[in-house]
Amino acid sequence: MSSSLVRGAKNELYQYISYASANEDTELTDHFKQRWSRVSPCDATLSLDKFQLIRTLGRGSFGRVVLALLKMDSHNKMEGNKFYAIKIMDKRKLVRYKQLDHTLNERRVLYCLQHPNTVRYFFSFKDNSFIYLSLEYISGRDQQRNFKQMNSMRFNLGGDLFTYLRHTGKFNEKHVKFYAAQIFLVFEYLHHFDVLYRDLKPENILIADNGYLKVTDFGFAKHVPGRTYTLCGTPDYLPPEIIKHKGYGKSVDWWTFAVLCYEMAAGQPPFSGKDHIQLYEAIVNQRYTCPSSFSNELADLIKKILVIDVSTRLGCMANGNKDIQNHPFFDSVNFVKIYHQTENSNSVPYKPAKKDPLDPSSLSQAEEPIRVSRHNLHEEEFRMF
């Protein structure tokens, strides 16, 4: 494994001892390094017929996410039902839209993650037509939604930040801090291993039944020890360096972090335009204003991150992510308690209502069948999966 994969535990820029003890730090690092160096191959013992498909949780351009129940058999003896959210992606579409590398990156990153605020990955398998990523199913407000955004597959597994934000309009700053601190911890963790997320937005943030966040959809995640030039992301959240086709690194995640903080507090992103051209012009010219309802601390945090010059952007200077963590906006935040999810329950803004995955009210219509080709499509391209 390349020595550039993991920065030293005492690196001044990207350490995450803000919430991990020395032993935890070593354990997390070893876990990531070991898994990155030997990505688990597809499980050849699994196939779609071992699962009962219950319902579609969401759709995207390359497939859908389905709630599935692992069937019991003589080799699978476990207590209770085991539910998974299985991301099913069409091989032909992945090849046609040149998403193969993104898909391989997604599986590799998911396999390596060990963080309370990221969705858990279990296994993958494939057949003649599709590849399957099995993720944890988060019970709660489980409603089918249809998303058609080109570059993402969003799904609601127990409430998501997008739905909750649209329902409430905007969050008070106490709640913004609670949610923003968790996203900070995820980015701090990913950046420690030189992994960029690159697709932050409310739709990609789930709310578990304990009220804490789970970042999902790692389709654009990538190990970048230096700079990359890939154009990807969501228009409202694109940083200027991507729009201008400049090389970029961890700076892009901190830009999206500030956009998310703004949207949570204001109910809408900071930049707008009649079309993408006008939107991008507003972004590269920093045409936005903070509402008067923002505290001085929140407005200052956003102002210092939404900076065109990456060398002066908060989170990208000499002290790295520590400048964000130590900003006055987070003075009242206990990052250790948030990481270990031990905050007083009264501090948790919202907990989705639990719902039985097999509730008859959710099974009003038969699940659309998965049709698999008799021929192994794109066998060579997916040989490494």
Protein backbone atom coordinates (compact mmCIF):
# COMPACT_ATOMS: atom_id res chain seq x y z
CA MET A 1 0.00 0.00 0.00
CA SER A 2 1.23 3.44 -0.85
CA SER A 3 2.71 5.29 2.10
CA SER A 4 0.81 8.38 0.97
CA LEU A 5 -2.50 6.77 1.83
CA VAL A 6 -2.47 7.62 5.51
CA ARG A 7 -0.97 10.73 7.02
CA GLY A 8 0.91 10.22 10.26
CA ALA A 9 -1.13 10.20 13.46
CA LYS A 10 0.70 13.33 14.64
CA ASN A 11 0.31 15.23 11.37
CA GLU A 12 -0.58 18.84 12.17
CA LEU A 13 -3.14 19.20 9.40
CA TYR A 14 -5.31 16.12 9.33
CA GLN A 15 -5.39 14.26 12.61
CA TYR A 16 -8.64 13.28 14.23
CA ILE A 17 -7.65 13.04 17.89
CA SER A 18 -10.39 15.60 18.54
CA TYR A 19 -12.72 12.70 19.27
CA ALA A 20 -10.55 9.58 19.42
CA SER A 21 -8.23 8.40 22.16
CA ALA A 22 -4.72 7.31 21.23
CA ASN A 23 -5.85 3.68 21.16
CA GLU A 24 -8.92 4.51 19.07
CA ASP A 25 -6.76 6.53 16.70
CA THR A 26 -4.42 3.57 16.18
CA GLU A 27 -7.31 1.12 15.81
CA LEU A 28 -9.11 3.26 13.21
CA THR A 29 -5.92 3.80 11.24
CA ASP A 30 -4.96 0.13 11.25
CA HIS A 31 -8.48 -0.90 10.25
CA PHE A 32 -8.51 1.46 7.27
CA LYS A 33 -4.98 0.59 6.10
CA GLN A 34 -5.56 -3.16 6.30
CA ARG A 35 -8.85 -3.02 4.42
CA TRP A 36 -7.58 -0.61 1.77
CA SER A 37 -4.67 -2.91 0.98
CA ARG A 38 -6.90 -5.97 0.48
CA VAL A 39 -10.38 -5.06 -0.68
CA SER A 40 -12.75 -7.95 -0.19
CA PRO A 41 -13.94 -9.38 -3.50
CA CYS A 42 -17.57 -9.98 -4.33
CA ASP A 43 -19.19 -12.70 -2.28
CA ALA A 44 -19.52 -15.58 -4.75
CA THR A 45 -21.85 -17.45 -2.41
CA LEU A 46 -24.53 -14.76 -2.60
CA SER A 47 -27.11 -14.24 -5.29
CA LEU A 48 -30.33 -12.29 -5.58
CA ASP A 49 -32.49 -15.36 -4.95
CA LYS A 50 -31.19 -15.48 -1.36
CA PHE A 51 -33.10 -12.26 -0.62
CA GLN A 52 -36.74 -11.32 -0.44
CA LEU A 53 -37.14 -7.95 -2.16
CA ILE A 54 -39.60 -5.93 -0.11
CA ARG A 55 -39.81 -2.52 -1.76
CA THR A 56 -37.84 0.13 -3.62
CA LEU A 57 -36.44 2.83 -1.34
CA GLY A 58 -35.14 5.10 -4.09
CA ARG A 59 -34.13 5.32 -7.72
CA GLY A 60 -31.25 6.81 -9.65
CA SER A 61 -29.91 6.93 -13.17
CA PHE A 62 -27.98 3.68 -12.79
CA GLY A 63 -30.45 1.58 -10.83
CA ARG A 64 -32.26 1.62 -7.52
CA VAL A 65 -31.98 0.87 -3.81
CA VAL A 66 -34.18 -1.93 -2.52
CA LEU A 67 -35.07 -2.97 1.00
CA ALA A 68 -34.27 -6.68 1.13
CA LEU A 69 -34.64 -9.44 3.69
CA LEU A 70 -31.99 -12.15 3.79
CA LYS A 71 -33.81 -15.47 3.69
CA MET A 72 -33.14 -18.03 6.39
CA ASP A 73 -31.55 -21.36 5.43
CA SER A 74 -29.50 -24.11 7.02
CA HIS A 75 -26.27 -22.14 6.49
CA ASN A 76 -27.70 -18.85 7.69
CA LYS A 77 -28.83 -19.25 11.27
CA MET A 78 -29.31 -15.95 13.02
CA GLU A 79 -31.64 -14.44 15.51
CA GLY A 80 -34.42 -12.35 14.00
CA ASN A 81 -34.76 -10.95 10.50
CA LYS A 82 -31.78 -9.37 8.76
CA PHE A 83 -32.66 -6.42 6.56
CA TYR A 84 -30.36 -4.66 4.11
CA ALA A 85 -30.59 -1.70 1.79
CA ILE A 86 -29.20 -3.15 -1.42
CA LYS A 87 -27.97 -0.73 -4.04
CA ILE A 88 -28.56 -2.36 -7.43
CA MET A 89 -26.67 -0.86 -10.37
CA ASP A 90 -27.09 -1.74 -14.03
CA LYS A 91 -23.78 -2.79 -15.65
CA ARG A 92 -24.79 -1.44 -19.05
CA LYS A 93 -25.61 2.02 -17.70
CA LEU A 94 -22.45 2.19 -15.63
CA VAL A 95 -20.37 1.43 -18.71
CA ARG A 96 -22.39 3.72 -21.00
CA TYR A 97 -22.03 6.71 -18.66
CA LYS A 98 -18.43 5.87 -17.75
CA GLN A 99 -19.15 5.32 -14.07
CA LEU A 100 -17.12 2.16 -13.60
CA ASP A 101 -14.25 3.85 -11.76
CA HIS A 102 -16.67 5.75 -9.51
CA THR A 103 -18.40 2.50 -8.64
CA LEU A 104 -15.16 0.69 -7.84
CA ASN A 105 -14.04 3.67 -5.71
CA GLU A 106 -17.37 3.68 -3.88
CA ARG A 107 -17.14 0.02 -2.93
CA ARG A 108 -13.52 0.33 -1.85
CA VAL A 109 -14.15 3.39 0.32
CA LEU A 110 -17.30 1.89 1.87
CA TYR A 111 -15.42 -1.31 2.67
CA CYS A 112 -12.78 0.65 4.59
CA LEU A 113 -15.02 2.97 6.59
CA GLN A 114 -15.42 2.61 10.34
CA HIS A 115 -17.21 5.71 11.59
CA PRO A 116 -20.46 6.18 13.51
CA ASN A 117 -21.64 8.88 11.11
CA THR A 118 -21.19 6.94 7.87
CA VAL A 119 -23.52 4.27 6.54
CA ARG A 120 -22.20 0.76 7.13
CA TYR A 121 -21.24 -1.53 4.25
CA PHE A 122 -21.63 -5.33 4.54
CA PHE A 123 -20.91 -7.14 1.27
CA SER A 124 -21.26 -7.02 -2.50
CA PHE A 125 -22.12 -9.49 -5.22
CA LYS A 126 -22.85 -9.48 -8.93
CA ASP A 127 -24.64 -11.37 -11.66
CA ASN A 128 -24.90 -11.17 -15.44
CA SER A 129 -26.69 -7.80 -15.46
CA PHE A 130 -26.15 -6.00 -12.16
CA ILE A 131 -23.77 -5.31 -9.32
CA TYR A 132 -25.08 -5.14 -5.76
CA LEU A 133 -23.82 -3.17 -2.76
CA SER A 134 -25.35 -4.15 0.56
CA LEU A 135 -25.64 -1.33 3.10
CA GLU A 136 -27.18 -1.07 6.54
CA TYR A 137 -30.90 -0.51 6.61
CA ILE A 138 -31.78 2.33 8.96
CA SER A 139 -35.30 1.89 10.26
CA GLY A 140 -37.59 4.85 10.69
CA ARG A 141 -39.65 7.02 8.40
CA ASP A 142 -39.47 4.76 5.39
CA GLN A 143 -41.08 6.33 2.36
CA GLN A 144 -40.43 5.54 -1.27
CA ARG A 145 -39.14 8.49 -3.24
CA ASN A 146 -38.08 8.86 -6.80
CA PHE A 147 -34.94 10.87 -7.57
CA LYS A 148 -33.75 11.43 -11.10
CA GLN A 149 -30.55 13.38 -10.55
CA MET A 150 -27.97 12.17 -13.03
CA ASN A 151 -25.03 11.54 -10.78
CA SER A 152 -26.55 10.23 -7.56
CA MET A 153 -28.83 7.66 -6.10
CA ARG A 154 -30.59 9.14 -3.11
CA PHE A 155 -32.75 7.17 -0.77
CA ASN A 156 -34.69 7.65 2.44
CA LEU A 157 -33.88 5.01 5.05
CA GLY A 158 -35.34 6.41 8.24
CA GLY A 159 -35.62 10.06 7.46
CA ASP A 160 -33.07 12.20 5.70
CA LEU A 161 -31.87 15.71 6.32
CA PHE A 162 -33.40 16.95 3.06
CA THR A 163 -36.92 15.88 4.05
CA TYR A 164 -36.58 17.11 7.62
CA LEU A 165 -35.18 20.47 6.50
CA ARG A 166 -37.94 20.99 3.95
CA HIS A 167 -40.52 20.08 6.59
CA THR A 168 -39.19 22.55 9.17
CA GLY A 169 -38.10 25.27 6.72
CA LYS A 170 -34.83 25.95 8.53
CA PHE A 171 -33.02 24.92 11.70
CA ASN A 172 -32.13 27.02 14.70
CA GLU A 173 -28.39 27.42 15.22
CA LYS A 174 -28.25 24.96 18.09
CA HIS A 175 -29.45 22.26 15.72
CA VAL A 176 -27.17 23.49 12.93
CA LYS A 177 -24.20 23.03 15.28
CA PHE A 178 -25.31 19.52 16.24
CA TYR A 179 -25.57 18.39 12.62
CA ALA A 180 -22.58 20.37 11.31
CA ALA A 181 -20.31 18.92 14.01
CA GLN A 182 -21.10 15.40 12.79
CA ILE A 183 -20.31 16.30 9.18
CA PHE A 184 -17.08 17.90 10.37
CA LEU A 185 -16.11 14.65 12.09
CA VAL A 186 -16.81 12.64 8.94
CA PHE A 187 -14.67 14.95 6.80
CA GLU A 188 -11.92 14.99 9.42
CA TYR A 189 -11.91 11.17 9.32
CA LEU A 190 -11.99 10.89 5.51
CA HIS A 191 -9.33 13.56 5.01
CA HIS A 192 -7.04 11.78 7.44
CA PHE A 193 -6.86 9.04 4.81
CA ASP A 194 -6.71 11.44 1.85
CA VAL A 195 -10.26 10.54 0.80
CA LEU A 196 -12.46 13.26 -0.69
CA TYR A 197 -16.23 12.93 -0.40
CA ARG A 198 -17.20 15.52 -3.06
CA ASP A 199 -20.98 15.16 -2.92
CA LEU A 200 -22.25 16.72 0.30
CA LYS A 201 -25.91 17.79 0.26
CA PRO A 202 -28.91 17.22 2.55
CA GLU A 203 -30.22 14.40 0.34
CA ASN A 204 -27.09 12.33 1.07
CA ILE A 205 -27.42 12.59 4.83
CA LEU A 206 -29.68 10.11 6.60
CA ILE A 207 -31.07 10.46 10.12
CA ALA A 208 -30.86 7.25 12.15
CA ASP A 209 -33.48 6.34 14.70
CA ASN A 210 -31.34 7.79 17.52
CA GLY A 211 -31.34 11.18 15.75
CA TYR A 212 -27.68 11.11 14.71
CA LEU A 213 -26.56 11.43 11.10
CA LYS A 214 -25.36 8.83 8.62
CA VAL A 215 -23.56 10.10 5.51
CA THR A 216 -24.33 7.90 2.52
CA ASP A 217 -23.79 7.74 -1.26
CA PHE A 218 -20.02 7.54 -1.67
CA GLY A 219 -20.23 7.34 -5.47
CA PHE A 220 -17.94 10.36 -5.88
CA ALA A 221 -15.58 9.51 -3.02
CA LYS A 222 -11.99 9.13 -4.11
CA HIS A 223 -8.53 8.66 -2.64
CA VAL A 224 -6.63 11.80 -3.65
CA PRO A 225 -3.20 12.22 -2.02
CA GLY A 226 -2.55 15.33 -4.10
CA ARG A 227 -4.87 17.01 -6.59
CA THR A 228 -7.56 15.83 -8.96
CA TYR A 229 -9.47 17.49 -11.82
CA THR A 230 -12.66 15.43 -12.03
CA LEU A 231 -15.84 17.45 -12.58
CA CYS A 232 -18.45 16.10 -10.18
CA GLY A 233 -20.87 17.22 -7.51
CA THR A 234 -24.23 18.98 -7.21
CA PRO A 235 -24.62 22.42 -8.89
CA ASP A 236 -25.68 24.38 -5.77
CA TYR A 237 -22.73 22.96 -3.85
CA LEU A 238 -19.98 23.13 -6.47
CA PRO A 239 -16.92 25.08 -5.31
CA PRO A 240 -15.33 27.63 -7.66
CA GLU A 241 -12.18 25.55 -8.24
CA ILE A 242 -14.27 22.77 -9.78
CA ILE A 243 -16.31 25.18 -11.88
CA LYS A 244 -13.09 26.75 -13.17
CA HIS A 245 -11.64 23.30 -13.94
CA LYS A 246 -8.72 23.84 -11.58
CA GLY A 247 -6.98 21.07 -9.71
CA TYR A 248 -8.35 20.62 -6.22
CA GLY A 249 -8.03 18.62 -3.02
CA LYS A 250 -9.70 18.69 0.39
CA SER A 251 -10.73 22.32 -0.09
CA VAL A 252 -13.84 21.24 -2.02
CA ASP A 253 -15.31 19.36 0.93
CA TRP A 254 -14.92 22.32 3.26
CA TRP A 255 -16.65 24.59 0.72
CA THR A 256 -19.63 22.22 0.61
CA PHE A 257 -19.56 22.08 4.42
CA ALA A 258 -20.13 25.85 4.58
CA VAL A 259 -22.88 25.66 1.94
CA LEU A 260 -24.63 23.00 4.04
CA CYS A 261 -24.35 25.10 7.21
CA TYR A 262 -25.87 28.04 5.34
CA GLU A 263 -28.71 25.94 3.90
CA MET A 264 -29.55 24.41 7.26
CA ALA A 265 -29.78 27.85 8.89
CA ALA A 266 -31.46 29.70 6.00
CA GLY A 267 -33.57 26.97 4.40
CA GLN A 268 -31.90 27.43 1.03
CA PRO A 269 -28.36 27.40 -0.40
CA PRO A 270 -26.39 30.67 -0.49
CA PHE A 271 -26.08 30.85 -4.29
CA SER A 272 -28.86 30.95 -6.85
CA GLY A 273 -29.49 31.61 -10.54
CA LYS A 274 -32.11 31.13 -13.22
CA ASP A 275 -29.97 28.42 -14.79
CA HIS A 276 -26.68 26.67 -14.15
CA ILE A 277 -24.69 29.38 -15.95
CA GLN A 278 -26.06 32.12 -13.70
CA LEU A 279 -25.65 29.89 -10.66
CA TYR A 280 -22.00 29.25 -11.46
CA GLU A 281 -21.41 32.96 -12.06
CA ALA A 282 -22.83 33.71 -8.63
CA ILE A 283 -20.54 31.11 -7.07
CA VAL A 284 -17.29 32.23 -8.73
CA ASN A 285 -18.13 35.88 -7.92
CA GLN A 286 -19.20 35.10 -4.33
CA ARG A 287 -22.61 36.69 -4.82
CA TYR A 288 -24.41 35.79 -1.61
CA THR A 289 -25.50 37.45 1.60
CA CYS A 290 -26.07 36.02 5.04
CA PRO A 291 -29.56 36.64 6.46
CA SER A 292 -29.77 39.02 9.41
CA SER A 293 -31.02 36.10 11.50
CA PHE A 294 -27.54 34.52 11.37
CA SER A 295 -25.44 35.00 14.47
CA ASN A 296 -22.13 36.81 14.03
CA GLU A 297 -20.33 33.52 14.66
CA LEU A 298 -22.21 31.59 11.97
CA ALA A 299 -21.89 34.41 9.44
CA ASP A 300 -18.15 34.63 10.15
CA LEU A 301 -17.66 30.87 9.76
CA ILE A 302 -19.40 30.86 6.39
CA LYS A 303 -17.61 34.00 5.23
CA LYS A 304 -14.20 32.50 6.04
CA ILE A 305 -14.89 29.21 4.24
CA LEU A 306 -16.71 30.51 1.15
CA VAL A 307 -13.48 32.10 -0.08
CA ILE A 308 -12.31 31.83 -3.68
CA ASP A 309 -8.62 31.73 -2.79
CA VAL A 310 -8.11 28.22 -1.44
CA SER A 311 -4.90 29.24 0.35
CA THR A 312 -6.93 31.54 2.62
CA ARG A 313 -10.01 29.32 3.01
CA LEU A 314 -10.71 28.18 6.56
CA GLY A 315 -9.86 24.49 6.82
CA CYS A 316 -7.12 24.75 4.18
CA MET A 317 -4.51 26.87 5.93
CA ALA A 318 -1.63 26.00 8.28
CA ASN A 319 -3.85 24.55 11.01
CA GLY A 320 -6.02 22.60 8.57
CA ASN A 321 -9.39 21.40 9.83
CA LYS A 322 -8.55 22.57 13.37
CA ASP A 323 -9.33 26.14 12.31
CA ILE A 324 -12.92 25.08 11.69
CA GLN A 325 -13.24 23.03 14.85
CA ASN A 326 -11.80 25.88 16.94
CA HIS A 327 -14.01 28.55 15.38
CA PRO A 328 -16.20 30.41 17.92
CA PHE A 329 -19.34 28.99 16.26
CA PHE A 330 -18.43 25.58 17.73
CA ASP A 331 -17.36 26.82 21.18
CA SER A 332 -20.32 25.12 22.88
CA VAL A 333 -19.92 21.83 20.99
CA ASN A 334 -18.47 18.75 22.69
CA PHE A 335 -17.07 16.84 19.72
CA VAL A 336 -16.16 13.81 21.85
CA LYS A 337 -19.74 13.38 23.04
CA ILE A 338 -21.08 13.85 19.54
CA TYR A 339 -18.64 11.30 18.11
CA HIS A 340 -19.61 8.74 20.76
CA GLN A 341 -23.28 9.77 20.47
CA THR A 342 -23.61 10.38 24.19
CA GLU A 343 -25.10 13.87 24.08
CA ASN A 344 -28.09 14.46 26.32
CA SER A 345 -31.14 13.16 24.45
CA ASN A 346 -32.72 16.60 24.80
CA SER A 347 -29.95 17.95 22.57
CA VAL A 348 -30.98 15.71 19.68
CA PRO A 349 -33.30 17.76 17.43
CA TYR A 350 -35.32 14.96 15.85
CA LYS A 351 -35.69 11.19 15.98
CA PRO A 352 -37.55 9.52 13.11
CA ALA A 353 -40.46 7.34 14.13
CA LYS A 354 -39.56 3.67 14.06
CA LYS A 355 -41.46 1.53 11.59
CA ASP A 356 -41.59 -2.18 10.99
CA PRO A 357 -39.96 -2.86 7.59
CA LEU A 358 -42.67 -5.48 6.96
CA ASP A 359 -45.54 -3.17 7.89
CA PRO A 360 -48.40 -4.09 5.49
CA SER A 361 -49.08 -0.39 4.83
CA SER A 362 -45.73 -0.24 3.02
CA LEU A 363 -46.50 -3.24 0.85
CA SER A 364 -49.40 -1.90 -1.18
CA GLN A 365 -47.98 -3.16 -4.46
CA ALA A 366 -45.71 -5.95 -5.59
CA GLU A 367 -42.04 -5.09 -5.94
CA GLU A 368 -40.84 -4.66 -9.50
CA PRO A 369 -38.84 -7.77 -10.42
CA ILE A 370 -35.14 -7.70 -11.25
CA ARG A 371 -34.63 -9.13 -14.73
CA VAL A 372 -31.21 -10.70 -15.20
CA SER A 373 -29.75 -11.44 -18.63
CA ARG A 374 -28.82 -14.98 -19.60
CA HIS A 375 -25.49 -13.63 -20.87
CA ASN A 376 -22.75 -12.17 -18.68
CA LEU A 377 -22.77 -8.52 -19.75
CA HIS A 378 -19.49 -6.57 -19.68
CA GLU A 379 -17.74 -9.47 -17.98
CA GLU A 380 -14.25 -8.08 -18.56
CA GLU A 381 -15.03 -4.56 -17.31
CA PHE A 382 -16.42 -5.90 -14.02
CA ARG A 383 -13.85 -8.62 -13.49
CA MET A 384 -12.25 -6.61 -10.67
CA PHE A 385 -15.53 -6.02 -8.86
